[in-house]
Amino acid sequence: MQPTTHHLPPRIKRIWGYSALGSLLALIVITGLLQLTYLYWNWAVWIPIASLVLTIVEPIVEVALIPYRYQFTRYQISDLAVEMQAGFIFQKRVAIPIARVQNVTLNAGPLLQWQKLTKVTVATAATSHSIEGLELPEAEQFREQIMRLAREARHDNA
């Protein structure tokens, strides 16, 4: 079987954008609480100021990196391994030998369900790796293909 490189569906960018919005909301709450500590308990003034800077910068960076993250995230399945790649400047490449795969799990939180996407987690005895944001039919096909290849690999080694 010739491996084909797959990219995530474009809808995952919307999920990442909402994740950045959630980060912004959480940082606003934290900054507000730190402002209260400054006002009522006389904490150092630099603490709420640093938090405010982080509240502004972090979501901007997170949103700015969405196209980069999308462009360089891909995966493929071959007869020997499941390969995942993310990043260009800070590359992360993982090859999971098919014979070591023990479980493939599909799960989706509310945002992924809203976009009809799911997260696929490939587990071995030592670790697990995830691909976030596959379309459900593609994820189910991915899971079946990996488990079929894993059964074949274990049968061949027996």
Protein backbone atom coordinates (compact mmCIF):
# COMPACT_ATOMS: atom_id res chain seq x y z
CA MET A 1 0.00 0.00 0.00
CA GLN A 2 1.35 3.41 -1.01
CA PRO A 3 1.05 5.89 1.90
CA THR A 4 -0.88 9.10 1.23
CA THR A 5 -0.22 12.25 3.21
CA HIS A 6 -3.41 13.72 4.69
CA HIS A 7 -4.05 17.23 5.96
CA LEU A 8 -6.59 18.30 8.55
CA PRO A 9 -9.93 19.68 7.34
CA PRO A 10 -10.03 23.49 7.05
CA ARG A 11 -12.76 23.69 9.75
CA ILE A 12 -10.15 22.92 12.41
CA LYS A 13 -8.91 26.51 12.04
CA ARG A 14 -12.25 27.74 13.43
CA ILE A 15 -11.85 25.44 16.44
CA TRP A 16 -8.34 26.77 17.06
CA GLY A 17 -9.71 30.33 16.84
CA TYR A 18 -12.36 29.58 19.46
CA SER A 19 -9.67 28.00 21.61
CA ALA A 20 -7.73 31.28 21.43
CA LEU A 21 -10.90 33.13 22.46
CA GLY A 22 -11.26 30.79 25.45
CA SER A 23 -7.66 31.51 26.41
CA LEU A 24 -8.37 35.23 26.19
CA LEU A 25 -11.40 34.93 28.48
CA ALA A 26 -9.48 32.87 31.04
CA LEU A 27 -6.59 35.36 31.00
CA ILE A 28 -8.99 38.30 31.47
CA VAL A 29 -10.40 36.62 34.59
CA ILE A 30 -6.90 35.92 35.94
CA THR A 31 -5.79 39.49 35.23
CA GLY A 32 -8.85 40.83 37.03
CA LEU A 33 -8.13 38.66 40.06
CA LEU A 34 -4.51 39.78 40.10
CA GLN A 35 -5.67 43.41 39.93
CA LEU A 36 -7.81 42.76 43.00
CA THR A 37 -4.81 41.31 44.85
CA TYR A 38 -2.88 44.49 44.02
CA LEU A 39 -5.73 46.72 45.24
CA TYR A 40 -6.68 44.86 48.41
CA TRP A 41 -3.52 43.05 49.53
CA ASN A 42 -0.89 45.45 48.23
CA TRP A 43 0.81 42.97 45.94
CA ALA A 44 3.47 44.36 43.60
CA VAL A 45 2.06 46.46 40.74
CA TRP A 46 4.13 44.62 38.13
CA ILE A 47 2.13 41.41 38.65
CA PRO A 48 -1.21 42.64 37.20
CA ILE A 49 0.67 44.63 34.54
CA ALA A 50 2.59 41.53 33.42
CA SER A 51 -0.66 39.58 33.42
CA LEU A 52 -2.33 42.26 31.28
CA VAL A 53 0.54 42.13 28.76
CA LEU A 54 0.24 38.34 28.63
CA THR A 55 -3.55 38.66 28.23
CA ILE A 56 -3.04 40.85 25.17
CA VAL A 57 -0.07 39.08 23.56
CA GLU A 58 -0.90 35.37 24.03
CA PRO A 59 -4.22 35.25 22.11
CA ILE A 60 -2.77 37.41 19.31
CA VAL A 61 0.15 35.01 18.88
CA GLU A 62 -2.16 32.00 19.11
CA VAL A 63 -4.45 33.36 16.37
CA ALA A 64 -1.52 34.47 14.22
CA LEU A 65 -0.06 30.94 14.30
CA ILE A 66 -3.28 29.21 13.14
CA PRO A 67 -2.40 29.27 9.39
CA TYR A 68 1.14 28.06 10.17
CA ARG A 69 -0.18 25.29 12.41
CA TYR A 70 -2.71 24.22 9.78
CA GLN A 71 -0.27 24.21 6.88
CA PHE A 72 2.32 22.03 8.58
CA THR A 73 0.12 19.49 10.39
CA ARG A 74 -0.28 16.23 8.47
CA TYR A 75 -0.39 12.49 8.92
CA GLN A 76 -0.14 9.29 6.91
CA ILE A 77 -0.59 5.56 7.34
CA SER A 78 1.66 2.97 5.74
CA ASP A 79 1.83 -0.79 6.19
CA LEU A 80 4.59 -0.27 8.76
CA ALA A 81 3.77 2.91 10.69
CA VAL A 82 1.42 5.77 11.44
CA GLU A 83 3.35 8.96 10.85
CA MET A 84 2.40 12.38 12.20
CA GLN A 85 4.08 15.68 11.51
CA ALA A 86 3.55 19.15 12.94
CA GLY A 87 5.52 22.37 12.57
CA PHE A 88 8.12 23.73 10.19
CA ILE A 89 10.49 25.75 12.33
CA PHE A 90 9.97 23.52 15.36
CA GLN A 91 9.28 20.24 13.60
CA LYS A 92 7.82 17.29 15.40
CA ARG A 93 7.69 14.02 13.51
CA VAL A 94 6.39 10.85 15.09
CA ALA A 95 6.35 7.39 13.56
CA ILE A 96 4.33 4.83 15.49
CA PRO A 97 5.08 1.26 14.36
CA ILE A 98 1.85 -0.48 13.40
CA ALA A 99 2.86 -3.60 15.32
CA ARG A 100 3.02 -1.55 18.55
CA VAL A 101 -0.44 0.00 18.27
CA GLN A 102 -2.72 -1.24 21.03
CA ASN A 103 -5.70 1.06 20.77
CA VAL A 104 -7.18 3.80 18.59
CA THR A 105 -9.66 6.07 20.33
CA LEU A 106 -12.02 8.66 18.86
CA ASN A 107 -13.26 11.45 21.10
CA ALA A 108 -14.66 14.93 20.62
CA GLY A 109 -15.48 17.79 22.94
CA PRO A 110 -18.33 20.22 22.30
CA LEU A 111 -16.40 22.42 19.84
CA LEU A 112 -15.23 19.46 17.76
CA GLN A 113 -18.74 17.98 17.80
CA TRP A 114 -20.18 21.30 16.67
CA GLN A 115 -17.91 21.21 13.61
CA LYS A 116 -18.53 17.46 13.12
CA LEU A 117 -14.88 16.67 13.80
CA THR A 118 -13.18 14.24 16.15
CA LYS A 119 -9.81 13.69 17.79
CA VAL A 120 -8.04 10.40 17.05
CA THR A 121 -5.63 9.05 19.66
CA VAL A 122 -3.25 6.23 18.72
CA ALA A 123 -1.99 4.44 21.84
CA THR A 124 0.91 2.06 22.34
CA ALA A 125 2.05 0.43 25.57
CA ALA A 126 4.41 3.33 26.27
CA THR A 127 2.67 6.45 24.94
CA SER A 128 -0.13 7.91 22.89
CA HIS A 129 -0.27 10.48 20.11
CA SER A 130 -3.25 12.43 18.81
CA ILE A 131 -4.49 13.92 15.59
CA GLU A 132 -6.98 16.65 16.38
CA GLY A 133 -9.83 17.48 14.07
CA LEU A 134 -10.51 14.69 11.59
CA GLU A 135 -13.93 14.42 10.03
CA LEU A 136 -15.89 11.59 11.66
CA PRO A 137 -16.15 9.25 8.63
CA GLU A 138 -12.46 9.75 7.88
CA ALA A 139 -11.57 9.17 11.56
CA GLU A 140 -13.57 5.93 11.67
CA GLN A 141 -11.89 4.73 8.47
CA PHE A 142 -8.50 5.74 9.94
CA ARG A 143 -9.22 3.75 13.12
CA GLU A 144 -10.38 0.65 11.20
CA GLN A 145 -7.38 0.78 8.88
CA ILE A 146 -4.87 1.09 11.73
CA MET A 147 -6.49 -1.68 13.77
CA ARG A 148 -6.65 -3.98 10.73
CA LEU A 149 -2.95 -3.34 9.98
CA ALA A 150 -2.07 -3.86 13.66
CA ARG A 151 -3.90 -7.23 13.74
CA GLU A 152 -2.13 -8.28 10.54
CA ALA A 153 1.26 -7.22 11.93
CA ARG A 154 0.68 -9.16 15.17
CA HIS A 155 -0.51 -12.19 13.20
CA ASP A 156 2.59 -12.06 10.98
CA ASN A 157 4.88 -11.85 14.02
CA ALA A 158 3.21 -14.76 15.81
